[in-house]
């Protein structure tokens, strides 16, 4: 299969047909999709995520236990929101629902977007990397950042608001 002009590969999903994945854009929209819904017989492929202008696709994340897993989302503003995967819609294609609110100030030239996201198993801690420093938020500390989807999230502590990456840690 030839790669279409001006296209890039962001990630690859492998597994059983009933495995679920979180598909998300940098504009804060996303959904859960089963691997079988991403498969096609067409040689030209299948469009799964509809991207608004200015958005980019984030690498898909495999969801192991939708009833107990959470997703942590961090923005360029230094805000963190943790939502239950069970709150997310399960779709077969489209733009998805708003997972995190990113207010766009028309007077400001700064555009807010999602920098990173991580899947957290029940009881798992979150590691936040900011430059050469890193901080681990324990499961109890994460309760402050838990809310329903489409909220802004809460500011991270000073010194950790310029996040480079987040990841789940045992």
Foldseek 3Di string as FASTA:
>chain_A
DDDDPPDDDQEDDDDDQQWKKWKAKFAQFTAIEGNVLQDDPDPVGDAAADDDPPIDIHYIDTDDDQQFKWKWWAKQQQFIAIERSVLFHYDSGYNHDRFAAFDDDPVDPDGMTTQEMEMEGHQWWKWWDDPPDIDIGGPVNCVQQYDGGHYHTGHDDPPRSRTNYMYTHD
